[in-house]
Amino acid sequence: MIRNLKSVIYAAFGSMVRFPDAQITEIALALEECKRPFVWVVRKKADEKEIEGMPEGFQERMEKGNKGLILTEWAPQVDILQHPAVGGFLSHCGWNSVLEAMVAGVPLIRIGVGVGADVWNPAVVITSPVIKKERIIEAIGILTGESAIAESIRSKAKAVSVMAKQTIEPGGSSFNGLTTLIEELEAIKLGSKSLP
């Protein structure tokens, strides 16, 4: 299916985040009501047959109406973000997601995720307040609209993309930093330098 440039919302919240069922419901309702095509990566719990919190018949309505694609397994996030149809990223704003969106020049909408934990837990269960569908719809509308604010957001995302790409090119700060690290490690391996 061909979509207009920058018309699709990509929603993904990392492999470790587990929203409460109520938040899944609000995200689903917002994606349905915002009338924008979307790709949503939402993971099922290991013992689930269906996604807890997903409104009854939601997935079938979205697929039947060709409105959205729901993926329950791993997805090629970098490739999705690089696709010219993607115009916004609804995210938990984890480190990799932010970097990948920056390089792709895709503006972000953050759904709150608590930072830090009292006890390490391999699946971060979110306990922060549920973001209501109205706020999500409003954010998507601002991001995808034709206002001066929307244009400014998209323009800044493009500028950040250019800067991010320059850092990994020869002479860029990330390129130089990685080159220096490799040289230091080679010197240590060859014995011409010792660890501090």
N, C-alpha and C. Protein backbone atom coordinates (compact mmCIF):
# COMPACT_ATOMS: atom_id res chain seq x y z
N MET A 1 0.84 -1.17 0.00
CA MET A 1 0.00 0.00 0.00
C MET A 1 0.89 1.24 0.00
N ILE A 2 0.56 2.21 -0.83
CA ILE A 2 1.32 3.44 -0.94
C ILE A 2 0.64 4.50 -0.07
N ARG A 3 1.42 5.18 0.72
CA ARG A 3 0.92 6.24 1.59
C ARG A 3 1.59 7.55 1.20
N ASN A 4 0.91 8.63 1.51
CA ASN A 4 1.48 9.95 1.25
C ASN A 4 2.72 10.17 2.11
N LEU A 5 3.61 11.02 1.61
CA LEU A 5 4.80 11.35 2.37
C LEU A 5 4.43 11.90 3.74
N LYS A 6 5.13 11.43 4.74
CA LYS A 6 5.01 11.92 6.12
C LYS A 6 3.59 11.80 6.69
N SER A 7 2.80 10.84 6.21
CA SER A 7 1.41 10.72 6.68
C SER A 7 1.21 9.65 7.74
N VAL A 8 2.17 8.74 7.90
CA VAL A 8 2.00 7.59 8.79
C VAL A 8 2.60 7.87 10.17
N ILE A 9 1.87 7.46 11.21
CA ILE A 9 2.38 7.52 12.57
C ILE A 9 2.94 6.14 12.91
N TYR A 10 4.17 6.13 13.38
CA TYR A 10 4.79 4.89 13.84
C TYR A 10 4.74 4.91 15.36
N ALA A 11 4.20 3.87 15.98
CA ALA A 11 4.11 3.78 17.43
C ALA A 11 4.84 2.54 17.91
N ALA A 12 5.81 2.73 18.78
CA ALA A 12 6.56 1.61 19.36
C ALA A 12 7.14 2.09 20.69
N PHE A 13 7.19 1.18 21.65
CA PHE A 13 7.58 1.58 23.00
C PHE A 13 8.69 0.71 23.58
N GLY A 14 9.52 0.16 22.72
CA GLY A 14 10.65 -0.63 23.18
C GLY A 14 10.26 -2.04 23.58
N SER A 15 11.26 -2.87 23.73
CA SER A 15 11.00 -4.29 24.03
C SER A 15 10.85 -4.55 25.52
N MET A 16 11.17 -3.58 26.36
CA MET A 16 11.11 -3.80 27.81
C MET A 16 9.90 -3.14 28.47
N VAL A 17 9.22 -2.26 27.79
CA VAL A 17 8.12 -1.50 28.39
C VAL A 17 6.83 -2.31 28.34
N ARG A 18 6.13 -2.37 29.47
CA ARG A 18 4.82 -3.01 29.56
C ARG A 18 3.84 -2.00 30.13
N PHE A 19 3.00 -1.45 29.27
CA PHE A 19 1.99 -0.50 29.72
C PHE A 19 0.86 -1.23 30.42
N PRO A 20 0.18 -0.54 31.34
CA PRO A 20 -1.04 -1.13 31.89
C PRO A 20 -2.09 -1.24 30.77
N ASP A 21 -3.03 -2.15 30.95
CA ASP A 21 -4.06 -2.37 29.93
C ASP A 21 -4.77 -1.07 29.57
N ALA A 22 -5.03 -0.22 30.57
CA ALA A 22 -5.74 1.04 30.32
C ALA A 22 -4.97 1.93 29.35
N GLN A 23 -3.63 1.93 29.41
CA GLN A 23 -2.84 2.75 28.49
C GLN A 23 -2.89 2.18 27.08
N ILE A 24 -2.86 0.86 26.96
CA ILE A 24 -3.00 0.22 25.64
C ILE A 24 -4.33 0.64 25.02
N THR A 25 -5.39 0.62 25.82
CA THR A 25 -6.72 1.02 25.33
C THR A 25 -6.71 2.45 24.83
N GLU A 26 -6.13 3.37 25.60
CA GLU A 26 -6.10 4.79 25.23
C GLU A 26 -5.29 5.01 23.95
N ILE A 27 -4.16 4.33 23.81
CA ILE A 27 -3.35 4.46 22.60
C ILE A 27 -4.14 3.95 21.40
N ALA A 28 -4.78 2.79 21.55
CA ALA A 28 -5.56 2.22 20.45
C ALA A 28 -6.69 3.16 20.03
N LEU A 29 -7.43 3.67 21.00
CA LEU A 29 -8.54 4.58 20.67
C LEU A 29 -8.04 5.85 20.00
N ALA A 30 -6.90 6.36 20.47
CA ALA A 30 -6.33 7.57 19.86
C ALA A 30 -5.92 7.30 18.42
N LEU A 31 -5.25 6.18 18.18
CA LEU A 31 -4.83 5.86 16.81
C LEU A 31 -6.03 5.67 15.89
N GLU A 32 -7.09 5.10 16.41
CA GLU A 32 -8.29 4.91 15.60
C GLU A 32 -8.97 6.24 15.30
N GLU A 33 -9.09 7.09 16.31
CA GLU A 33 -9.84 8.33 16.15
C GLU A 33 -9.06 9.44 15.46
N CYS A 34 -7.73 9.37 15.44
CA CYS A 34 -6.96 10.45 14.82
C CYS A 34 -7.02 10.40 13.29
N LYS A 35 -7.51 9.29 12.75
CA LYS A 35 -7.72 9.15 11.30
C LYS A 35 -6.43 9.25 10.50
N ARG A 36 -5.32 8.87 11.11
CA ARG A 36 -4.03 8.82 10.41
C ARG A 36 -3.64 7.35 10.25
N PRO A 37 -3.05 6.98 9.12
CA PRO A 37 -2.55 5.61 9.02
C PRO A 37 -1.42 5.41 10.02
N PHE A 38 -1.28 4.20 10.51
CA PHE A 38 -0.26 3.95 11.52
C PHE A 38 0.31 2.54 11.41
N VAL A 39 1.51 2.41 11.99
CA VAL A 39 2.13 1.11 12.24
C VAL A 39 2.40 1.10 13.74
N TRP A 40 1.84 0.12 14.45
CA TRP A 40 1.99 0.05 15.90
C TRP A 40 2.62 -1.28 16.28
N VAL A 41 3.78 -1.20 16.91
CA VAL A 41 4.44 -2.39 17.43
C VAL A 41 4.04 -2.50 18.90
N VAL A 42 3.24 -3.50 19.21
CA VAL A 42 2.77 -3.70 20.58
C VAL A 42 2.95 -5.17 20.91
N ARG A 43 3.69 -5.42 21.95
CA ARG A 43 4.03 -6.81 22.28
C ARG A 43 2.98 -7.44 23.19
N LYS A 44 2.75 -8.71 22.92
CA LYS A 44 1.89 -9.51 23.80
C LYS A 44 2.75 -10.06 24.93
N LYS A 45 2.13 -10.25 26.09
CA LYS A 45 2.82 -10.96 27.16
C LYS A 45 2.96 -12.40 26.70
N ALA A 46 3.96 -13.08 27.22
CA ALA A 46 4.28 -14.44 26.77
C ALA A 46 3.08 -15.38 26.83
N ASP A 47 2.24 -15.23 27.84
CA ASP A 47 1.12 -16.15 28.02
C ASP A 47 -0.18 -15.65 27.39
N GLU A 48 -0.14 -14.54 26.66
CA GLU A 48 -1.35 -13.97 26.06
C GLU A 48 -1.62 -14.52 24.66
N LYS A 49 -2.88 -14.76 24.38
CA LYS A 49 -3.28 -15.07 23.01
C LYS A 49 -3.60 -13.77 22.29
N GLU A 50 -4.16 -12.81 23.02
CA GLU A 50 -4.49 -11.50 22.48
C GLU A 50 -3.83 -10.44 23.34
N ILE A 51 -3.74 -9.24 22.81
CA ILE A 51 -3.10 -8.15 23.54
C ILE A 51 -4.08 -7.62 24.59
N GLU A 52 -3.66 -7.72 25.86
CA GLU A 52 -4.50 -7.22 26.95
C GLU A 52 -4.68 -5.71 26.80
N GLY A 53 -5.91 -5.26 26.97
CA GLY A 53 -6.20 -3.83 26.86
C GLY A 53 -6.60 -3.38 25.47
N MET A 54 -6.40 -4.23 24.47
CA MET A 54 -6.77 -3.86 23.10
C MET A 54 -8.29 -3.89 22.99
N PRO A 55 -8.91 -2.80 22.52
CA PRO A 55 -10.37 -2.78 22.40
C PRO A 55 -10.88 -3.91 21.51
N GLU A 56 -12.03 -4.41 21.86
CA GLU A 56 -12.67 -5.51 21.11
C GLU A 56 -12.79 -5.15 19.63
N GLY A 57 -12.25 -5.98 18.77
CA GLY A 57 -12.37 -5.82 17.32
C GLY A 57 -11.48 -4.75 16.72
N PHE A 58 -10.64 -4.11 17.53
CA PHE A 58 -9.80 -3.01 17.05
C PHE A 58 -8.89 -3.44 15.90
N GLN A 59 -8.14 -4.51 16.13
CA GLN A 59 -7.18 -4.94 15.11
C GLN A 59 -7.89 -5.29 13.80
N GLU A 60 -9.01 -5.97 13.89
CA GLU A 60 -9.75 -6.34 12.69
C GLU A 60 -10.27 -5.10 11.95
N ARG A 61 -10.78 -4.11 12.70
CA ARG A 61 -11.27 -2.87 12.06
C ARG A 61 -10.15 -2.14 11.35
N MET A 62 -9.00 -2.07 11.98
CA MET A 62 -7.88 -1.33 11.39
C MET A 62 -7.38 -2.03 10.12
N GLU A 63 -7.26 -3.34 10.18
CA GLU A 63 -6.76 -4.08 9.02
C GLU A 63 -7.79 -4.10 7.89
N LYS A 64 -9.06 -4.27 8.24
CA LYS A 64 -10.12 -4.30 7.23
C LYS A 64 -10.22 -2.96 6.51
N GLY A 65 -10.15 -1.88 7.26
CA GLY A 65 -10.25 -0.55 6.67
C GLY A 65 -8.93 -0.03 6.13
N ASN A 66 -7.86 -0.87 6.20
CA ASN A 66 -6.55 -0.47 5.70
C ASN A 66 -6.07 0.80 6.40
N LYS A 67 -6.41 0.93 7.69
CA LYS A 67 -6.08 2.14 8.45
C LYS A 67 -4.79 2.01 9.24
N GLY A 68 -4.48 0.78 9.63
CA GLY A 68 -3.30 0.61 10.45
C GLY A 68 -2.81 -0.81 10.45
N LEU A 69 -1.54 -0.95 10.79
CA LEU A 69 -0.90 -2.25 10.86
C LEU A 69 -0.41 -2.44 12.29
N ILE A 70 -0.80 -3.55 12.89
CA ILE A 70 -0.40 -3.86 14.26
C ILE A 70 0.55 -5.04 14.22
N LEU A 71 1.76 -4.84 14.73
CA LEU A 71 2.78 -5.89 14.76
C LEU A 71 3.00 -6.31 16.20
N THR A 72 3.02 -7.61 16.45
CA THR A 72 3.21 -8.11 17.81
C THR A 72 4.57 -8.76 18.02
N GLU A 73 5.39 -8.75 17.01
CA GLU A 73 6.74 -9.31 17.10
C GLU A 73 7.74 -8.18 16.85
N TRP A 74 9.00 -8.53 16.81
CA TRP A 74 10.05 -7.56 16.51
C TRP A 74 9.76 -6.90 15.17
N ALA A 75 10.11 -5.63 15.06
CA ALA A 75 9.93 -4.89 13.81
C ALA A 75 11.23 -4.16 13.47
N PRO A 76 11.52 -3.98 12.18
CA PRO A 76 12.75 -3.29 11.77
C PRO A 76 12.60 -1.76 11.94
N GLN A 77 12.75 -1.30 13.17
CA GLN A 77 12.45 0.09 13.50
C GLN A 77 13.24 1.09 12.66
N VAL A 78 14.52 0.85 12.46
CA VAL A 78 15.34 1.79 11.68
C VAL A 78 14.77 1.92 10.26
N ASP A 79 14.43 0.79 9.66
CA ASP A 79 13.87 0.81 8.30
C ASP A 79 12.52 1.52 8.27
N ILE A 80 11.70 1.27 9.27
CA ILE A 80 10.38 1.92 9.32
C ILE A 80 10.56 3.42 9.45
N LEU A 81 11.42 3.86 10.36
CA LEU A 81 11.63 5.30 10.56
C LEU A 81 12.22 5.97 9.33
N GLN A 82 13.01 5.25 8.56
CA GLN A 82 13.62 5.82 7.36
C GLN A 82 12.64 5.90 6.19
N HIS A 83 11.49 5.24 6.30
CA HIS A 83 10.53 5.24 5.19
C HIS A 83 9.94 6.63 5.01
N PRO A 84 9.85 7.13 3.78
CA PRO A 84 9.35 8.49 3.55
C PRO A 84 7.89 8.72 3.95
N ALA A 85 7.12 7.65 4.14
CA ALA A 85 5.72 7.83 4.54
C ALA A 85 5.57 8.14 6.02
N VAL A 86 6.61 7.85 6.82
CA VAL A 86 6.52 8.04 8.27
C VAL A 86 6.73 9.52 8.61
N GLY A 87 5.74 10.07 9.31
CA GLY A 87 5.79 11.49 9.65
C GLY A 87 5.85 11.79 11.13
N GLY A 88 5.73 10.76 11.96
CA GLY A 88 5.80 10.97 13.40
C GLY A 88 6.01 9.65 14.11
N PHE A 89 6.62 9.73 15.29
CA PHE A 89 6.97 8.54 16.07
C PHE A 89 6.42 8.71 17.47
N LEU A 90 5.43 7.91 17.82
CA LEU A 90 4.85 7.85 19.16
C LEU A 90 5.69 6.85 19.94
N SER A 91 6.42 7.32 20.96
CA SER A 91 7.49 6.51 21.55
C SER A 91 7.60 6.72 23.05
N HIS A 92 8.29 5.80 23.71
CA HIS A 92 8.66 5.96 25.11
C HIS A 92 9.93 6.81 25.23
N CYS A 93 10.56 7.08 24.09
CA CYS A 93 11.78 7.89 24.01
C CYS A 93 12.96 7.27 24.74
N GLY A 94 13.13 5.96 24.54
CA GLY A 94 14.34 5.30 25.01
C GLY A 94 15.52 5.75 24.16
N TRP A 95 16.71 5.47 24.65
CA TRP A 95 17.94 5.94 24.01
C TRP A 95 18.00 5.59 22.52
N ASN A 96 17.84 4.31 22.19
CA ASN A 96 17.93 3.90 20.79
C ASN A 96 16.83 4.53 19.94
N SER A 97 15.62 4.58 20.47
CA SER A 97 14.51 5.16 19.71
C SER A 97 14.76 6.63 19.39
N VAL A 98 15.27 7.36 20.36
CA VAL A 98 15.55 8.79 20.14
C VAL A 98 16.64 8.95 19.08
N LEU A 99 17.72 8.19 19.21
CA LEU A 99 18.81 8.30 18.22
C LEU A 99 18.34 7.92 16.82
N GLU A 100 17.57 6.84 16.73
CA GLU A 100 17.09 6.39 15.42
C GLU A 100 16.13 7.41 14.80
N ALA A 101 15.28 8.02 15.62
CA ALA A 101 14.37 9.06 15.12
C ALA A 101 15.15 10.30 14.69
N MET A 102 16.17 10.66 15.47
CA MET A 102 16.98 11.83 15.11
C MET A 102 17.64 11.64 13.75
N VAL A 103 18.27 10.50 13.55
CA VAL A 103 18.96 10.24 12.29
C VAL A 103 17.96 10.22 11.13
N ALA A 104 16.77 9.66 11.38
CA ALA A 104 15.75 9.58 10.32
C ALA A 104 15.05 10.92 10.09
N GLY A 105 15.20 11.86 11.01
CA GLY A 105 14.52 13.15 10.87
C GLY A 105 13.03 13.07 11.15
N VAL A 106 12.64 12.13 12.02
CA VAL A 106 11.22 11.93 12.34
C VAL A 106 10.93 12.54 13.71
N PRO A 107 9.97 13.46 13.78
CA PRO A 107 9.61 14.06 15.07
C PRO A 107 8.98 13.04 16.02
N LEU A 108 9.21 13.24 17.31
CA LEU A 108 8.75 12.32 18.34
C LEU A 108 7.58 12.88 19.15
N ILE A 109 6.70 11.99 19.57
CA ILE A 109 5.68 12.28 20.58
C ILE A 109 5.95 11.29 21.70
N ARG A 110 6.18 11.79 22.90
CA ARG A 110 6.54 10.90 24.02
C ARG A 110 5.32 10.53 24.85
N ILE A 111 5.20 9.24 25.10
CA ILE A 111 4.24 8.74 26.09
C ILE A 111 5.06 8.48 27.34
N GLY A 112 4.68 9.07 28.46
CA GLY A 112 5.48 9.02 29.68
C GLY A 112 5.83 7.63 30.16
N VAL A 113 7.08 7.49 30.48
CA VAL A 113 7.59 6.25 31.05
C VAL A 113 8.45 6.66 32.23
N GLY A 114 8.17 6.07 33.39
CA GLY A 114 8.97 6.37 34.57
C GLY A 114 10.43 6.00 34.35
N VAL A 115 11.33 6.77 34.94
CA VAL A 115 12.76 6.52 34.79
C VAL A 115 13.29 6.00 36.11
N GLY A 116 14.11 4.98 36.03
CA GLY A 116 14.70 4.40 37.23
C GLY A 116 13.81 3.34 37.84
N ALA A 117 14.40 2.55 38.72
CA ALA A 117 13.64 1.49 39.38
C ALA A 117 14.24 1.23 40.75
N ASP A 118 13.38 0.84 41.69
CA ASP A 118 13.86 0.47 43.01
C ASP A 118 14.56 -0.89 42.97
N VAL A 119 14.03 -1.78 42.13
CA VAL A 119 14.57 -3.13 41.99
C VAL A 119 14.63 -3.44 40.50
N TRP A 120 15.74 -4.03 40.04
CA TRP A 120 15.86 -4.38 38.63
C TRP A 120 14.76 -5.36 38.27
N ASN A 121 14.13 -5.10 37.15
CA ASN A 121 13.05 -5.94 36.66
C ASN A 121 13.26 -6.06 35.16
N PRO A 122 13.32 -7.27 34.61
CA PRO A 122 13.59 -7.41 33.18
C PRO A 122 12.50 -6.86 32.27
N ALA A 123 11.32 -6.67 32.78
CA ALA A 123 10.24 -6.05 32.00
C ALA A 123 9.72 -4.87 32.81
N VAL A 124 9.96 -3.68 32.34
CA VAL A 124 9.58 -2.49 33.08
C VAL A 124 8.07 -2.32 32.99
N VAL A 125 7.40 -2.46 34.12
CA VAL A 125 5.96 -2.28 34.17
C VAL A 125 5.70 -0.81 34.49
N ILE A 126 4.98 -0.14 33.62
CA ILE A 126 4.74 1.29 33.77
C ILE A 126 3.63 1.54 34.78
N THR A 127 3.92 2.40 35.75
CA THR A 127 2.90 2.73 36.75
C THR A 127 2.56 4.21 36.73
N SER A 128 3.13 4.97 35.80
CA SER A 128 2.83 6.39 35.72
C SER A 128 1.38 6.58 35.26
N PRO A 129 0.83 7.78 35.46
CA PRO A 129 -0.57 8.00 35.09
C PRO A 129 -0.83 7.69 33.61
N VAL A 130 -2.01 7.17 33.35
CA VAL A 130 -2.42 6.84 31.98
C VAL A 130 -2.65 8.13 31.19
N ILE A 131 -2.04 8.22 30.01
CA ILE A 131 -2.24 9.36 29.12
C ILE A 131 -3.52 9.09 28.34
N LYS A 132 -4.46 10.00 28.44
CA LYS A 132 -5.77 9.82 27.81
C LYS A 132 -5.68 10.02 26.30
N LYS A 133 -6.60 9.38 25.60
CA LYS A 133 -6.62 9.42 24.13
C LYS A 133 -6.70 10.85 23.61
N GLU A 134 -7.42 11.72 24.29
CA GLU A 134 -7.57 13.11 23.82
C GLU A 134 -6.22 13.81 23.73
N ARG A 135 -5.35 13.56 24.72
CA ARG A 135 -4.02 14.19 24.70
C ARG A 135 -3.16 13.61 23.59
N ILE A 136 -3.29 12.32 23.36
CA ILE A 136 -2.52 11.67 22.29
C ILE A 136 -2.99 12.19 20.93
N ILE A 137 -4.31 12.27 20.75
CA ILE A 137 -4.87 12.79 19.50
C ILE A 137 -4.43 14.23 19.27
N GLU A 138 -4.43 15.03 20.34
CA GLU A 138 -4.00 16.43 20.23
C GLU A 138 -2.54 16.51 19.78
N ALA A 139 -1.68 15.69 20.38
CA ALA A 139 -0.26 15.71 20.02
C ALA A 139 -0.05 15.27 18.58
N ILE A 140 -0.75 14.23 18.15
CA ILE A 140 -0.64 13.77 16.76
C ILE A 140 -1.13 14.87 15.82
N GLY A 141 -2.22 15.53 16.19
CA GLY A 141 -2.76 16.62 15.36
C GLY A 141 -1.79 17.78 15.22
N ILE A 142 -1.14 18.14 16.32
CA ILE A 142 -0.15 19.23 16.27
C ILE A 142 1.01 18.82 15.36
N LEU A 143 1.50 17.61 15.55
CA LEU A 143 2.67 17.14 14.80
C LEU A 143 2.40 17.00 13.31
N THR A 144 1.21 16.55 12.95
CA THR A 144 0.92 16.26 11.55
C THR A 144 0.14 17.37 10.85
N GLY A 145 -0.16 18.42 11.57
CA GLY A 145 -0.96 19.50 11.01
C GLY A 145 -0.19 20.40 10.06
N GLU A 146 -0.86 21.46 9.65
CA GLU A 146 -0.27 22.41 8.70
C GLU A 146 0.08 23.74 9.36
N SER A 147 0.05 23.79 10.68
CA SER A 147 0.31 25.04 11.39
C SER A 147 1.80 25.40 11.33
N ALA A 148 2.09 26.63 11.74
CA ALA A 148 3.49 27.07 11.81
C ALA A 148 4.26 26.23 12.83
N ILE A 149 3.60 25.83 13.90
CA ILE A 149 4.26 24.99 14.91
C ILE A 149 4.64 23.65 14.30
N ALA A 150 3.71 23.04 13.57
CA ALA A 150 3.98 21.75 12.93
C ALA A 150 5.13 21.87 11.94
N GLU A 151 5.12 22.91 11.14
CA GLU A 151 6.20 23.13 10.17
C GLU A 151 7.53 23.32 10.88
N SER A 152 7.53 24.04 11.99
CA SER A 152 8.75 24.26 12.77
C SER A 152 9.28 22.95 13.34
N ILE A 153 8.39 22.12 13.87
CA ILE A 153 8.79 20.82 14.42
C ILE A 153 9.43 19.97 13.33
N ARG A 154 8.80 19.89 12.19
CA ARG A 154 9.34 19.08 11.09
C ARG A 154 10.67 19.63 10.58
N SER A 155 10.77 20.95 10.50
CA SER A 155 12.01 21.58 10.05
C SER A 155 13.16 21.30 11.02
N LYS A 156 12.87 21.39 12.33
CA LYS A 156 13.90 21.11 13.33
C LYS A 156 14.31 19.64 13.29
N ALA A 157 13.36 18.74 13.06
CA ALA A 157 13.69 17.31 12.96
C ALA A 157 14.62 17.06 11.78
N LYS A 158 14.36 17.73 10.66
CA LYS A 158 15.25 17.59 9.48
C LYS A 158 16.65 18.11 9.80
N ALA A 159 16.71 19.27 10.48
CA ALA A 159 18.01 19.85 10.82
C ALA A 159 18.79 18.94 11.76
N VAL A 160 18.11 18.36 12.74
CA VAL A 160 18.76 17.43 13.66
C VAL A 160 19.27 16.21 12.89
N SER A 161 18.51 15.74 11.92
CA SER A 161 18.92 14.59 11.11
C SER A 161 20.23 14.90 10.38
N VAL A 162 20.31 16.07 9.79
CA VAL A 162 21.53 16.46 9.06
C VAL A 162 22.72 16.47 10.02
N MET A 163 22.53 17.08 11.20
CA MET A 163 23.63 17.14 12.18
C MET A 163 24.02 15.75 12.67
N ALA A 164 23.04 14.89 12.94
CA ALA A 164 23.33 13.54 13.42
C ALA A 164 24.12 12.76 12.39
N LYS A 165 23.74 12.88 11.13
CA LYS A 165 24.44 12.16 10.06
C LYS A 165 25.87 12.68 9.89
N GLN A 166 26.07 13.98 10.09
CA GLN A 166 27.40 14.56 9.95
C GLN A 166 28.37 14.02 11.01
N THR A 167 27.85 13.68 12.19
CA THR A 167 28.74 13.20 13.25
C THR A 167 29.35 11.84 12.93
N ILE A 168 28.69 11.05 12.07
CA ILE A 168 29.22 9.71 11.77
C ILE A 168 30.00 9.66 10.46
N GLU A 169 30.06 10.77 9.76
CA GLU A 169 30.86 10.84 8.54
C GLU A 169 32.32 11.08 8.90
N PRO A 170 33.26 10.73 8.01
CA PRO A 170 34.67 11.02 8.28
C PRO A 170 34.85 12.50 8.66
N GLY A 171 35.53 12.71 9.78
CA GLY A 171 35.73 14.07 10.29
C GLY A 171 34.68 14.48 11.31
N GLY A 172 33.59 13.74 11.40
CA GLY A 172 32.55 14.04 12.38
C GLY A 172 32.97 13.59 13.77
N SER A 173 32.34 14.16 14.80
CA SER A 173 32.77 13.88 16.17
C SER A 173 32.62 12.41 16.56
N SER A 174 31.54 11.76 16.19
CA SER A 174 31.38 10.34 16.52
C SER A 174 32.37 9.48 15.75
N PHE A 175 32.56 9.81 14.49
CA PHE A 175 33.54 9.09 13.67
C PHE A 175 34.92 9.21 14.28
N ASN A 176 35.31 10.44 14.64
CA ASN A 176 36.63 10.67 15.22
C ASN A 176 36.77 9.98 16.57
N GLY A 177 35.71 10.05 17.39
CA GLY A 177 35.76 9.39 18.69
C GLY A 177 35.92 7.89 18.58
N LEU A 178 35.19 7.28 17.66
CA LEU A 178 35.30 5.84 17.47
C LEU A 178 36.66 5.46 16.90
N THR A 179 37.16 6.26 15.98
CA THR A 179 38.48 6.01 15.40
C THR A 179 39.55 6.07 16.49
N THR A 180 39.46 7.06 17.36
CA THR A 180 40.42 7.20 18.46
C THR A 180 40.33 6.01 19.40
N LEU A 181 39.12 5.57 19.72
CA LEU A 181 38.94 4.41 20.60
C LEU A 181 39.58 3.17 19.98
N ILE A 182 39.34 2.94 18.70
CA ILE A 182 39.93 1.78 18.02
C ILE A 182 41.45 1.85 18.06
N GLU A 183 42.00 3.03 17.81
CA GLU A 183 43.46 3.20 17.84
C GLU A 183 44.01 2.91 19.23
N GLU A 184 43.32 3.40 20.26
CA GLU A 184 43.75 3.16 21.65
C GLU A 184 43.72 1.66 21.97
N LEU A 185 42.65 0.98 21.58
CA LEU A 185 42.53 -0.45 21.85
C LEU A 185 43.59 -1.25 21.10
N GLU A 186 43.87 -0.85 19.85
CA GLU A 186 44.92 -1.53 19.09
C GLU A 186 46.28 -1.33 19.75
N ALA A 187 46.53 -0.13 20.25
CA ALA A 187 47.80 0.15 20.92
C ALA A 187 47.94 -0.69 22.19
N ILE A 188 46.86 -0.84 22.93
CA ILE A 188 46.89 -1.66 24.14
C ILE A 188 47.12 -3.12 23.78
N LYS A 189 46.43 -3.60 22.75
CA LYS A 189 46.56 -4.99 22.31
C LYS A 189 47.98 -5.28 21.86
N LEU A 190 48.59 -4.35 21.15
CA LEU A 190 49.95 -4.54 20.64
C LEU A 190 51.00 -4.33 21.72
N GLY A 191 50.59 -3.88 22.89
CA GLY A 191 51.51 -3.72 23.99
C GLY A 191 52.29 -2.42 23.99
N SER A 192 52.02 -1.53 23.06
CA SER A 192 52.75 -0.26 23.03
C SER A 192 52.16 0.74 24.02
N LYS A 193 51.05 0.38 24.64
CA LYS A 193 50.42 1.29 25.59
C LYS A 193 49.77 0.44 26.66
N SER A 194 49.74 0.93 27.88
CA SER A 194 49.09 0.18 28.96
C SER A 194 47.84 0.92 29.42
N LEU A 195 46.99 0.19 30.07
CA LEU A 195 45.77 0.80 30.60
C LEU A 195 46.13 1.76 31.71
N PRO A 196 45.39 2.85 31.88
CA PRO A 196 45.69 3.81 32.96
C PRO A 196 45.47 3.20 34.32
